[in-house]
Amino acid sequence: MIKDRNNQPLSRSAVAVDPYQDCRAVLHALPAIERISEIDIALEEVAQNPTSNATFHRKKLLRMHDAARLEAGLVTPAQLQRENSPSQSLDFTTAKIVWKSRVSAGS
């Protein structure tokens, strides 16, 4: 049983229900190639909904999309890591640290 901060049991109405759970369950049952195209469609639909539930659903769909691409052999783990890396295109071998003194508020 789920309990709140005071270690009291929560009622069924107090437990958040994921409205997109069934959708993801159906997608998980599909073969990888079909799953990729269905996830693309679901991502377009959920983009129109700015709720927090929709945001978490979109993030879970993106993870499922990456997993399906790996399962189907369309990408390697290294390729997927490069795609998802925010600093993928940056070359840090020539980076330099520039030290500048700061003006303090008390001066």
PDB file of N, CA and C in Angstrom:
ATOM      1  N   MET A   1       0.846  -1.169   0.000  1.00  0.00           N
ATOM      2  CA  MET A   1       0.000   0.000   0.000  1.00  0.00           C
ATOM      3  C   MET A   1       0.895   1.236   0.000  1.00  0.00           C
ATOM      4  N   ILE A   2       0.516   2.243  -0.741  1.00  0.00           N
ATOM      5  CA  ILE A   2       1.258   3.491  -0.810  1.00  0.00           C
ATOM      6  C   ILE A   2       0.883   4.356   0.386  1.00  0.00           C
ATOM      7  N   LYS A   3       1.905   4.999   0.987  1.00  0.00           N
ATOM      8  CA  LYS A   3       1.646   5.831   2.162  1.00  0.00           C
ATOM      9  C   LYS A   3       2.140   7.243   1.907  1.00  0.00           C
ATOM     10  N   ASP A   4       1.546   8.204   2.594  1.00  0.00           N
ATOM     11  CA  ASP A   4       1.951   9.599   2.441  1.00  0.00           C
ATOM     12  C   ASP A   4       3.119   9.917   3.370  1.00  0.00           C
ATOM     13  N   ARG A   5       3.477  11.197   3.473  1.00  0.00           N
ATOM     14  CA  ARG A   5       4.622  11.613   4.294  1.00  0.00           C
ATOM     15  C   ARG A   5       4.476  11.244   5.759  1.00  0.00           C
ATOM     16  N   ASN A   6       3.280  11.254   6.255  1.00  0.00           N
ATOM     17  CA  ASN A   6       3.050  10.936   7.664  1.00  0.00           C
ATOM     18  C   ASN A   6       2.844   9.444   7.875  1.00  0.00           C
ATOM     19  N   ASN A   7       3.194   8.661   6.860  1.00  0.00           N
ATOM     20  CA  ASN A   7       3.099   7.204   6.916  1.00  0.00           C
ATOM     21  C   ASN A   7       1.661   6.726   7.044  1.00  0.00           C
ATOM     22  N   GLN A   8       0.726   7.531   6.535  1.00  0.00           N
ATOM     23  CA  GLN A   8      -0.683   7.157   6.530  1.00  0.00           C
ATOM     24  C   GLN A   8      -1.031   6.576   5.161  1.00  0.00           C
ATOM     25  N   PRO A   9      -1.840   5.537   5.114  1.00  0.00           N
ATOM     26  CA  PRO A   9      -2.230   4.986   3.815  1.00  0.00           C
ATOM     27  C   PRO A   9      -3.003   6.020   2.992  1.00  0.00           C
ATOM     28  N   LEU A  10      -2.701   6.075   1.704  1.00  0.00           N
ATOM     29  CA  LEU A  10      -3.401   6.988   0.802  1.00  0.00           C
ATOM     30  C   LEU A  10      -4.635   6.307   0.241  1.00  0.00           C
ATOM     31  N   SER A  11      -5.648   7.086   0.025  1.00  0.00           N
ATOM     32  CA  SER A  11      -6.840   6.535  -0.610  1.00  0.00           C
ATOM     33  C   SER A  11      -6.556   6.346  -2.095  1.00  0.00           C
ATOM     34  N   ARG A  12      -7.373   5.579  -2.777  1.00  0.00           N
ATOM     35  CA  ARG A  12      -7.184   5.351  -4.212  1.00  0.00           C
ATOM     36  C   ARG A  12      -7.225   6.650  -4.993  1.00  0.00           C
ATOM     37  N   SER A  13      -8.052   7.589  -4.572  1.00  0.00           N
ATOM     38  CA  SER A  13      -8.165   8.846  -5.294  1.00  0.00           C
ATOM     39  C   SER A  13      -6.922   9.711  -5.120  1.00  0.00           C
ATOM     40  N   ALA A  14      -6.148   9.493  -4.054  1.00  0.00           N
ATOM     41  CA  ALA A  14      -4.955  10.298  -3.808  1.00  0.00           C
ATOM     42  C   ALA A  14      -3.753   9.801  -4.610  1.00  0.00           C
ATOM     43  N   VAL A  15      -3.805   8.572  -5.099  1.00  0.00           N
ATOM     44  CA  VAL A  15      -2.706   8.014  -5.879  1.00  0.00           C
ATOM     45  C   VAL A  15      -2.879   8.445  -7.333  1.00  0.00           C
ATOM     46  N   ALA A  16      -1.844   9.091  -7.867  1.00  0.00           N
ATOM     47  CA  ALA A  16      -1.919   9.577  -9.249  1.00  0.00           C
ATOM     48  C   ALA A  16      -1.933   8.407 -10.226  1.00  0.00           C
ATOM     49  N   VAL A  17      -2.834   8.473 -11.174  1.00  0.00           N
ATOM     50  CA  VAL A  17      -2.948   7.436 -12.191  1.00  0.00           C
ATOM     51  C   VAL A  17      -2.385   7.988 -13.495  1.00  0.00           C
ATOM     52  N   ASP A  18      -1.567   7.211 -14.167  1.00  0.00           N
ATOM     53  CA  ASP A  18      -0.974   7.624 -15.432  1.00  0.00           C
ATOM     54  C   ASP A  18      -1.976   7.347 -16.548  1.00  0.00           C
ATOM     55  N   PRO A  19      -2.528   8.405 -17.162  1.00  0.00           N
ATOM     56  CA  PRO A  19      -3.539   8.195 -18.198  1.00  0.00           C
ATOM     57  C   PRO A  19      -2.969   7.615 -19.487  1.00  0.00           C
ATOM     58  N   TYR A  20      -1.670   7.622 -19.643  1.00  0.00           N
ATOM     59  CA  TYR A  20      -1.038   7.128 -20.868  1.00  0.00           C
ATOM     60  C   TYR A  20      -0.450   5.726 -20.711  1.00  0.00           C
ATOM     61  N   GLN A  21      -0.631   5.129 -19.553  1.00  0.00           N
ATOM     62  CA  GLN A  21      -0.038   3.820 -19.266  1.00  0.00           C
ATOM     63  C   GLN A  21      -0.500   2.745 -20.259  1.00  0.00           C
ATOM     64  N   ASP A  22      -1.776   2.719 -20.574  1.00  0.00           N
ATOM     65  CA  ASP A  22      -2.306   1.706 -21.495  1.00  0.00           C
ATOM     66  C   ASP A  22      -1.745   1.889 -22.902  1.00  0.00           C
ATOM     67  N   CYS A  23      -1.598   3.131 -23.311  1.00  0.00           N
ATOM     68  CA  CYS A  23      -1.035   3.424 -24.631  1.00  0.00           C
ATOM     69  C   CYS A  23       0.379   2.849 -24.755  1.00  0.00           C
ATOM     70  N   ARG A  24       1.195   3.066 -23.720  1.00  0.00           N
ATOM     71  CA  ARG A  24       2.566   2.553 -23.757  1.00  0.00           C
ATOM     72  C   ARG A  24       2.595   1.026 -23.700  1.00  0.00           C
ATOM     73  N   ALA A  25       1.659   0.431 -22.993  1.00  0.00           N
ATOM     74  CA  ALA A  25       1.595  -1.029 -22.917  1.00  0.00           C
ATOM     75  C   ALA A  25       1.307  -1.622 -24.295  1.00  0.00           C
ATOM     76  N   VAL A  26       0.411  -0.985 -25.036  1.00  0.00           N
ATOM     77  CA  VAL A  26       0.093  -1.443 -26.391  1.00  0.00           C
ATOM     78  C   VAL A  26       1.325  -1.298 -27.289  1.00  0.00           C
ATOM     79  N   LEU A  27       2.020  -0.189 -27.157  1.00  0.00           N
ATOM     80  CA  LEU A  27       3.213   0.039 -27.973  1.00  0.00           C
ATOM     81  C   LEU A  27       4.311  -0.983 -27.664  1.00  0.00           C
ATOM     82  N   HIS A  28       4.472  -1.332 -26.387  1.00  0.00           N
ATOM     83  CA  HIS A  28       5.494  -2.319 -26.005  1.00  0.00           C
ATOM     84  C   HIS A  28       5.237  -3.676 -26.653  1.00  0.00           C
ATOM     85  N   ALA A  29       3.986  -3.991 -26.921  1.00  0.00           N
ATOM     86  CA  ALA A  29       3.638  -5.296 -27.484  1.00  0.00           C
ATOM     87  C   ALA A  29       3.938  -5.394 -28.983  1.00  0.00           C
ATOM     88  N   LEU A  30       4.150  -4.273 -29.648  1.00  0.00           N
ATOM     89  CA  LEU A  30       4.404  -4.272 -31.091  1.00  0.00           C
ATOM     90  C   LEU A  30       5.837  -4.673 -31.406  1.00  0.00           C
ATOM     91  N   PRO A  31       6.070  -5.233 -32.599  1.00  0.00           N
ATOM     92  CA  PRO A  31       7.445  -5.479 -33.037  1.00  0.00           C
ATOM     93  C   PRO A  31       8.194  -4.146 -33.168  1.00  0.00           C
ATOM     94  N   ALA A  32       9.504  -4.184 -33.063  1.00  0.00           N
ATOM     95  CA  ALA A  32      10.320  -2.968 -32.997  1.00  0.00           C
ATOM     96  C   ALA A  32      10.084  -2.002 -34.155  1.00  0.00           C
ATOM     97  N   ILE A  33      10.046  -2.479 -35.376  1.00  0.00           N
ATOM     98  CA  ILE A  33       9.888  -1.598 -36.538  1.00  0.00           C
ATOM     99  C   ILE A  33       8.522  -0.910 -36.514  1.00  0.00           C
ATOM    100  N   GLU A  34       7.480  -1.671 -36.222  1.00  0.00           N
ATOM    101  CA  GLU A  34       6.137  -1.082 -36.121  1.00  0.00           C
ATOM    102  C   GLU A  34       6.062  -0.101 -34.961  1.00  0.00           C
ATOM    103  N   ARG A  35       6.717  -0.465 -33.858  1.00  0.00           N
ATOM    104  CA  ARG A  35       6.702   0.377 -32.668  1.00  0.00           C
ATOM    105  C   ARG A  35       7.283   1.758 -32.971  1.00  0.00           C
ATOM    106  N   ILE A  36       8.339   1.809 -33.770  1.00  0.00           N
ATOM    107  CA  ILE A  36       8.977   3.082 -34.103  1.00  0.00           C
ATOM    108  C   ILE A  36       7.992   4.012 -34.801  1.00  0.00           C
ATOM    109  N   SER A  37       7.293   3.505 -35.804  1.00  0.00           N
ATOM    110  CA  SER A  37       6.357   4.365 -36.536  1.00  0.00           C
ATOM    111  C   SER A  37       5.160   4.755 -35.673  1.00  0.00           C
ATOM    112  N   GLU A  38       4.681   3.859 -34.832  1.00  0.00           N
ATOM    113  CA  GLU A  38       3.554   4.174 -33.952  1.00  0.00           C
ATOM    114  C   GLU A  38       3.957   5.190 -32.879  1.00  0.00           C
ATOM    115  N   ILE A  39       5.188   5.082 -32.399  1.00  0.00           N
ATOM    116  CA  ILE A  39       5.671   6.054 -31.417  1.00  0.00           C
ATOM    117  C   ILE A  39       5.775   7.433 -32.056  1.00  0.00           C
ATOM    118  N   ASP A  40       6.227   7.492 -33.305  1.00  0.00           N
ATOM    119  CA  ASP A  40       6.295   8.784 -34.010  1.00  0.00           C
ATOM    120  C   ASP A  40       4.912   9.435 -34.080  1.00  0.00           C
ATOM    121  N   ILE A  41       3.892   8.639 -34.371  1.00  0.00           N
ATOM    122  CA  ILE A  41       2.524   9.154 -34.435  1.00  0.00           C
ATOM    123  C   ILE A  41       2.070   9.632 -33.058  1.00  0.00           C
ATOM    124  N   ALA A  42       2.360   8.834 -32.023  1.00  0.00           N
ATOM    125  CA  ALA A  42       1.965   9.196 -30.662  1.00  0.00           C
ATOM    126  C   ALA A  42       2.679  10.463 -30.197  1.00  0.00           C
ATOM    127  N   LEU A  43       3.928  10.642 -30.614  1.00  0.00           N
ATOM    128  CA  LEU A  43       4.667  11.848 -30.240  1.00  0.00           C
ATOM    129  C   LEU A  43       4.047  13.099 -30.851  1.00  0.00           C
ATOM    130  N   GLU A  44       3.568  12.987 -32.080  1.00  0.00           N
ATOM    131  CA  GLU A  44       2.907  14.130 -32.713  1.00  0.00           C
ATOM    132  C   GLU A  44       1.621  14.494 -31.973  1.00  0.00           C
ATOM    133  N   GLU A  45       0.888  13.486 -31.533  1.00  0.00           N
ATOM    134  CA  GLU A  45      -0.375  13.728 -30.832  1.00  0.00           C
ATOM    135  C   GLU A  45      -0.141  14.346 -29.453  1.00  0.00           C
ATOM    136  N   VAL A  46       0.848  13.857 -28.731  1.00  0.00           N
ATOM    137  CA  VAL A  46       1.083  14.330 -27.368  1.00  0.00           C
ATOM    138  C   VAL A  46       1.736  15.714 -27.363  1.00  0.00           C
ATOM    139  N   ALA A  47       2.330  16.130 -28.458  1.00  0.00           N
ATOM    140  CA  ALA A  47       2.951  17.455 -28.537  1.00  0.00           C
ATOM    141  C   ALA A  47       1.926  18.563 -28.389  1.00  0.00           C
ATOM    142  N   GLN A  48       0.670  18.280 -28.668  1.00  0.00           N
ATOM    143  CA  GLN A  48      -0.391  19.277 -28.574  1.00  0.00           C
ATOM    144  C   GLN A  48      -0.908  19.470 -27.144  1.00  0.00           C
ATOM    145  N   ASN A  49      -0.465  18.631 -26.230  1.00  0.00           N
ATOM    146  CA  ASN A  49      -0.980  18.646 -24.865  1.00  0.00           C
ATOM    147  C   ASN A  49       0.124  19.076 -23.888  1.00  0.00           C
ATOM    148  N   PRO A  50       0.051  20.287 -23.318  1.00  0.00           N
ATOM    149  CA  PRO A  50       1.131  20.794 -22.475  1.00  0.00           C
ATOM    150  C   PRO A  50       1.027  20.431 -20.982  1.00  0.00           C
ATOM    151  N   THR A  51       0.357  19.347 -20.639  1.00  0.00           N
ATOM    152  CA  THR A  51       0.229  18.977 -19.229  1.00  0.00           C
ATOM    153  C   THR A  51       1.469  18.230 -18.752  1.00  0.00           C
ATOM    154  N   SER A  52       1.624  18.120 -17.444  1.00  0.00           N
ATOM    155  CA  SER A  52       2.781  17.401 -16.897  1.00  0.00           C
ATOM    156  C   SER A  52       2.702  15.911 -17.229  1.00  0.00           C
ATOM    157  N   ASN A  53       1.498  15.339 -17.215  1.00  0.00           N
ATOM    158  CA  ASN A  53       1.350  13.929 -17.589  1.00  0.00           C
ATOM    159  C   ASN A  53       1.805  13.709 -19.030  1.00  0.00           C
ATOM    160  N   ALA A  54       1.439  14.616 -19.912  1.00  0.00           N
ATOM    161  CA  ALA A  54       1.822  14.495 -21.315  1.00  0.00           C
ATOM    162  C   ALA A  54       3.327  14.655 -21.486  1.00  0.00           C
ATOM    163  N   THR A  55       3.931  15.523 -20.698  1.00  0.00           N
ATOM    164  CA  THR A  55       5.380  15.721 -20.766  1.00  0.00           C
ATOM    165  C   THR A  55       6.120  14.444 -20.375  1.00  0.00           C
ATOM    166  N   PHE A  56       5.706  13.831 -19.268  1.00  0.00           N
ATOM    167  CA  PHE A  56       6.351  12.588 -18.848  1.00  0.00           C
ATOM    168  C   PHE A  56       6.091  11.467 -19.850  1.00  0.00           C
ATOM    169  N   HIS A  57       4.907  11.449 -20.415  1.00  0.00           N
ATOM    170  CA  HIS A  57       4.583  10.451 -21.438  1.00  0.00           C
ATOM    171  C   HIS A  57       5.490  10.631 -22.659  1.00  0.00           C
ATOM    172  N   ARG A  58       5.685  11.883 -23.073  1.00  0.00           N
ATOM    173  CA  ARG A  58       6.558  12.170 -24.221  1.00  0.00           C
ATOM    174  C   ARG A  58       7.978  11.706 -23.940  1.00  0.00           C
ATOM    175  N   LYS A  59       8.478  11.943 -22.735  1.00  0.00           N
ATOM    176  CA  LYS A  59       9.831  11.511 -22.383  1.00  0.00           C
ATOM    177  C   LYS A  59       9.933   9.979 -22.412  1.00  0.00           C
ATOM    178  N   LYS A  60       8.909   9.312 -21.911  1.00  0.00           N
ATOM    179  CA  LYS A  60       8.911   7.846 -21.928  1.00  0.00           C
ATOM    180  C   LYS A  60       8.832   7.321 -23.358  1.00  0.00           C
ATOM    181  N   LEU A  61       8.060   8.006 -24.206  1.00  0.00           N
ATOM    182  CA  LEU A  61       7.980   7.604 -25.618  1.00  0.00           C
ATOM    183  C   LEU A  61       9.337   7.776 -26.312  1.00  0.00           C
ATOM    184  N   LEU A  62      10.030   8.845 -26.002  1.00  0.00           N
ATOM    185  CA  LEU A  62      11.347   9.058 -26.612  1.00  0.00           C
ATOM    186  C   LEU A  62      12.326   7.963 -26.195  1.00  0.00           C
ATOM    187  N   ARG A  63      12.262   7.551 -24.942  1.00  0.00           N
ATOM    188  CA  ARG A  63      13.127   6.448 -24.481  1.00  0.00           C
ATOM    189  C   ARG A  63      12.743   5.138 -25.168  1.00  0.00           C
ATOM    190  N   MET A  64      11.422   4.920 -25.315  1.00  0.00           N
ATOM    191  CA  MET A  64      10.951   3.716 -26.012  1.00  0.00           C
ATOM    192  C   MET A  64      11.400   3.735 -27.472  1.00  0.00           C
ATOM    193  N   HIS A  65      11.381   4.903 -28.083  1.00  0.00           N
ATOM    194  CA  HIS A  65      11.796   5.056 -29.480  1.00  0.00           C
ATOM    195  C   HIS A  65      13.268   4.671 -29.630  1.00  0.00           C
ATOM    196  N   ASP A  66      14.108   5.174 -28.731  1.00  0.00           N
ATOM    197  CA  ASP A  66      15.531   4.820 -28.764  1.00  0.00           C
ATOM    198  C   ASP A  66      15.735   3.324 -28.554  1.00  0.00           C
ATOM    199  N   ALA A  67      15.004   2.747 -27.609  1.00  0.00           N
ATOM    200  CA  ALA A  67      15.126   1.311 -27.337  1.00  0.00           C
ATOM    201  C   ALA A  67      14.677   0.478 -28.535  1.00  0.00           C
ATOM    202  N   ALA A  68      13.616   0.901 -29.198  1.00  0.00           N
ATOM    203  CA  ALA A  68      13.128   0.174 -30.374  1.00  0.00           C
ATOM    204  C   ALA A  68      14.129   0.255 -31.518  1.00  0.00           C
ATOM    205  N   ARG A  69      14.747   1.412 -31.686  1.00  0.00           N
ATOM    206  CA  ARG A  69      15.769   1.547 -32.738  1.00  0.00           C
ATOM    207  C   ARG A  69      16.964   0.635 -32.457  1.00  0.00           C
ATOM    208  N   LEU A  70      17.351   0.532 -31.188  1.00  0.00           N
ATOM    209  CA  LEU A  70      18.437  -0.391 -30.819  1.00  0.00           C
ATOM    210  C   LEU A  70      18.016  -1.837 -31.069  1.00  0.00           C
ATOM    211  N   GLU A  71      16.799  -2.173 -30.657  1.00  0.00           N
ATOM    212  CA  GLU A  71      16.283  -3.539 -30.819  1.00  0.00           C
ATOM    213  C   GLU A  71      16.204  -3.930 -32.294  1.00  0.00           C
ATOM    214  N   ALA A  72      15.823  -2.972 -33.144  1.00  0.00           N
ATOM    215  CA  ALA A  72      15.687  -3.248 -34.577  1.00  0.00           C
ATOM    216  C   ALA A  72      17.041  -3.251 -35.287  1.00  0.00           C
ATOM    217  N   GLY A  73      18.088  -2.830 -34.594  1.00  0.00           N
ATOM    218  CA  GLY A  73      19.413  -2.805 -35.200  1.00  0.00           C
ATOM    219  C   GLY A  73      19.644  -1.614 -36.119  1.00  0.00           C
ATOM    220  N   LEU A  74      18.826  -0.570 -35.966  1.00  0.00           N
ATOM    221  CA  LEU A  74      18.973   0.610 -36.814  1.00  0.00           C
ATOM    222  C   LEU A  74      20.113   1.507 -36.357  1.00  0.00           C
ATOM    223  N   VAL A  75      20.469   1.435 -35.092  1.00  0.00           N
ATOM    224  CA  VAL A  75      21.583   2.204 -34.542  1.00  0.00           C
ATOM    225  C   VAL A  75      22.365   1.328 -33.572  1.00  0.00           C
ATOM    226  N   THR A  76      23.603   1.706 -33.342  1.00  0.00           N
ATOM    227  CA  THR A  76      24.409   1.041 -32.326  1.00  0.00           C
ATOM    228  C   THR A  76      24.311   1.854 -31.048  1.00  0.00           C
ATOM    229  N   PRO A  77      24.660   1.275 -29.922  1.00  0.00           N
ATOM    230  CA  PRO A  77      24.645   2.058 -28.680  1.00  0.00           C
ATOM    231  C   PRO A  77      25.536   3.302 -28.766  1.00  0.00           C
ATOM    232  N   ALA A  78      26.672   3.196 -29.434  1.00  0.00           N
ATOM    233  CA  ALA A  78      27.564   4.348 -29.567  1.00  0.00           C
ATOM    234  C   ALA A  78      26.924   5.453 -30.407  1.00  0.00           C
ATOM    235  N   GLN A  79      26.247   5.081 -31.481  1.00  0.00           N
ATOM    236  CA  GLN A  79      25.563   6.079 -32.313  1.00  0.00           C
ATOM    237  C   GLN A  79      24.456   6.769 -31.521  1.00  0.00           C
ATOM    238  N   LEU A  80      23.708   5.999 -30.774  1.00  0.00           N
ATOM    239  CA  LEU A  80      22.621   6.552 -29.984  1.00  0.00           C
ATOM    240  C   LEU A  80      23.167   7.503 -28.914  1.00  0.00           C
ATOM    241  N   GLN A  81      24.275   7.133 -28.297  1.00  0.00           N
ATOM    242  CA  GLN A  81      24.896   7.999 -27.298  1.00  0.00           C
ATOM    243  C   GLN A  81      25.319   9.327 -27.924  1.00  0.00           C
ATOM    244  N   ARG A  82      25.898   9.265 -29.120  1.00  0.00           N
ATOM    245  CA  ARG A  82      26.315  10.497 -29.807  1.00  0.00           C
ATOM    246  C   ARG A  82      25.102  11.358 -30.160  1.00  0.00           C
ATOM    247  N   GLU A  83      24.019  10.740 -30.601  1.00  0.00           N
ATOM    248  CA  GLU A  83      22.810  11.483 -30.956  1.00  0.00           C
ATOM    249  C   GLU A  83      22.214  12.200 -29.746  1.00  0.00           C
ATOM    250  N   ASN A  84      22.255  11.550 -28.593  1.00  0.00           N
ATOM    251  CA  ASN A  84      21.613  12.086 -27.399  1.00  0.00           C
ATOM    252  C   ASN A  84      22.530  12.964 -26.557  1.00  0.00           C
ATOM    253  N   SER A  85      23.780  13.107 -26.963  1.00  0.00           N
ATOM    254  CA  SER A  85      24.723  13.912 -26.205  1.00  0.00           C
ATOM    255  C   SER A  85      24.585  15.383 -26.585  1.00  0.00           C
ATOM    256  N   PRO A  86      24.327  16.266 -25.615  1.00  0.00           N
ATOM    257  CA  PRO A  86      24.168  17.683 -25.940  1.00  0.00           C
ATOM    258  C   PRO A  86      25.459  18.343 -26.403  1.00  0.00           C
ATOM    259  N   SER A  87      26.599  17.765 -26.073  1.00  0.00           N
ATOM    260  CA  SER A  87      27.871  18.363 -26.471  1.00  0.00           C
ATOM    261  C   SER A  87      28.564  17.539 -27.549  1.00  0.00           C
ATOM    262  N   GLN A  88      27.785  16.806 -28.314  1.00  0.00           N
ATOM    263  CA  GLN A  88      28.309  15.902 -29.334  1.00  0.00           C
ATOM    264  C   GLN A  88      29.179  16.623 -30.354  1.00  0.00           C
ATOM    265  N   SER A  89      28.759  17.788 -30.807  1.00  0.00           N
ATOM    266  CA  SER A  89      29.471  18.464 -31.888  1.00  0.00           C
ATOM    267  C   SER A  89      30.607  19.349 -31.388  1.00  0.00           C
ATOM    268  N   LEU A  90      30.789  19.427 -30.089  1.00  0.00           N
ATOM    269  CA  LEU A  90      31.830  20.293 -29.551  1.00  0.00           C
ATOM    270  C   LEU A  90      33.161  19.559 -29.454  1.00  0.00           C
ATOM    271  N   ASP A  91      34.227  20.268 -29.764  1.00  0.00           N
ATOM    272  CA  ASP A  91      35.575  19.705 -29.668  1.00  0.00           C
ATOM    273  C   ASP A  91      36.272  20.361 -28.489  1.00  0.00           C
ATOM    274  N   PHE A  92      36.447  19.618 -27.414  1.00  0.00           N
ATOM    275  CA  PHE A  92      37.044  20.174 -26.209  1.00  0.00           C
ATOM    276  C   PHE A  92      38.566  20.055 -26.183  1.00  0.00           C
ATOM    277  N   THR A  93      39.153  19.492 -27.212  1.00  0.00           N
ATOM    278  CA  THR A  93      40.612  19.335 -27.210  1.00  0.00           C
ATOM    279  C   THR A  93      41.333  20.667 -27.320  1.00  0.00           C
ATOM    280  N   THR A  94      40.683  21.672 -27.889  1.00  0.00           N
ATOM    281  CA  THR A  94      41.330  22.980 -28.021  1.00  0.00           C
ATOM    282  C   THR A  94      40.721  24.012 -27.069  1.00  0.00           C
ATOM    283  N   ALA A  95      39.920  23.570 -26.126  1.00  0.00           N
ATOM    284  CA  ALA A  95      39.273  24.496 -25.195  1.00  0.00           C
ATOM    285  C   ALA A  95      40.291  25.118 -24.256  1.00  0.00           C
ATOM    286  N   LYS A  96      40.035  26.372 -23.902  1.00  0.00           N
ATOM    287  CA  LYS A  96      40.914  27.080 -22.982  1.00  0.00           C
ATOM    288  C   LYS A  96      40.072  27.671 -21.861  1.00  0.00           C
ATOM    289  N   ILE A  97      40.659  27.678 -20.671  1.00  0.00           N
ATOM    290  CA  ILE A  97      39.990  28.293 -19.534  1.00  0.00           C
ATOM    291  C   ILE A  97      40.458  29.740 -19.467  1.00  0.00           C
ATOM    292  N   VAL A  98      39.520  30.641 -19.404  1.00  0.00           N
ATOM    293  CA  VAL A  98      39.847  32.057 -19.302  1.00  0.00           C
ATOM    294  C   VAL A  98      39.496  32.514 -17.897  1.00  0.00           C
ATOM    295  N   TRP A  99      40.526  32.929 -17.149  1.00  0.00           N
ATOM    296  CA  TRP A  99      40.320  33.379 -15.778  1.00  0.00           C
ATOM    297  C   TRP A  99      40.201  34.891 -15.775  1.00  0.00           C
ATOM    298  N   LYS A 100      39.118  35.398 -15.237  1.00  0.00           N
ATOM    299  CA  LYS A 100      38.925  36.842 -15.114  1.00  0.00           C
ATOM    300  C   LYS A 100      38.570  37.151 -13.655  1.00  0.00           C
ATOM    301  N   SER A 101      39.099  38.234 -13.163  1.00  0.00           N
ATOM    302  CA  SER A 101      38.756  38.605 -11.800  1.00  0.00           C
ATOM    303  C   SER A 101      37.339  39.176 -11.787  1.00  0.00           C
ATOM    304  N   ARG A 102      36.662  38.984 -10.686  1.00  0.00           N
ATOM    305  CA  ARG A 102      35.300  39.451 -10.547  1.00  0.00           C
ATOM    306  C   ARG A 102      35.260  40.679  -9.653  1.00  0.00           C
ATOM    307  N   VAL A 103      34.350  41.528  -9.938  1.00  0.00           N
ATOM    308  CA  VAL A 103      34.125  42.685  -9.084  1.00  0.00           C
ATOM    309  C   VAL A 103      33.218  42.235  -7.949  1.00  0.00           C
ATOM    310  N   SER A 104      33.653  42.462  -6.734  1.00  0.00           N
ATOM    311  CA  SER A 104      32.817  42.045  -5.603  1.00  0.00           C
ATOM    312  C   SER A 104      31.803  43.138  -5.275  1.00  0.00           C
ATOM    313  N   ALA A 105      30.709  42.768  -4.732  1.00  0.00           N
ATOM    314  CA  ALA A 105      29.624  43.704  -4.426  1.00  0.00           C
ATOM    315  C   ALA A 105      30.014  44.663  -3.311  1.00  0.00           C
ATOM    316  N   GLY A 106      30.910  44.260  -2.427  1.00  0.00           N
ATOM    317  CA  GLY A 106      31.290  45.082  -1.299  1.00  0.00           C
ATOM    318  C   GLY A 106      32.340  46.131  -1.618  1.00  0.00           C
ATOM    319  N   SER A 107      32.910  46.124  -2.793  1.00  0.00           N
ATOM    320  CA  SER A 107      33.982  47.066  -3.131  1.00  0.00           C
ATOM    321  C   SER A 107      33.462  48.387  -3.608  1.00  0.00           C
TER     322      SER A 107
END
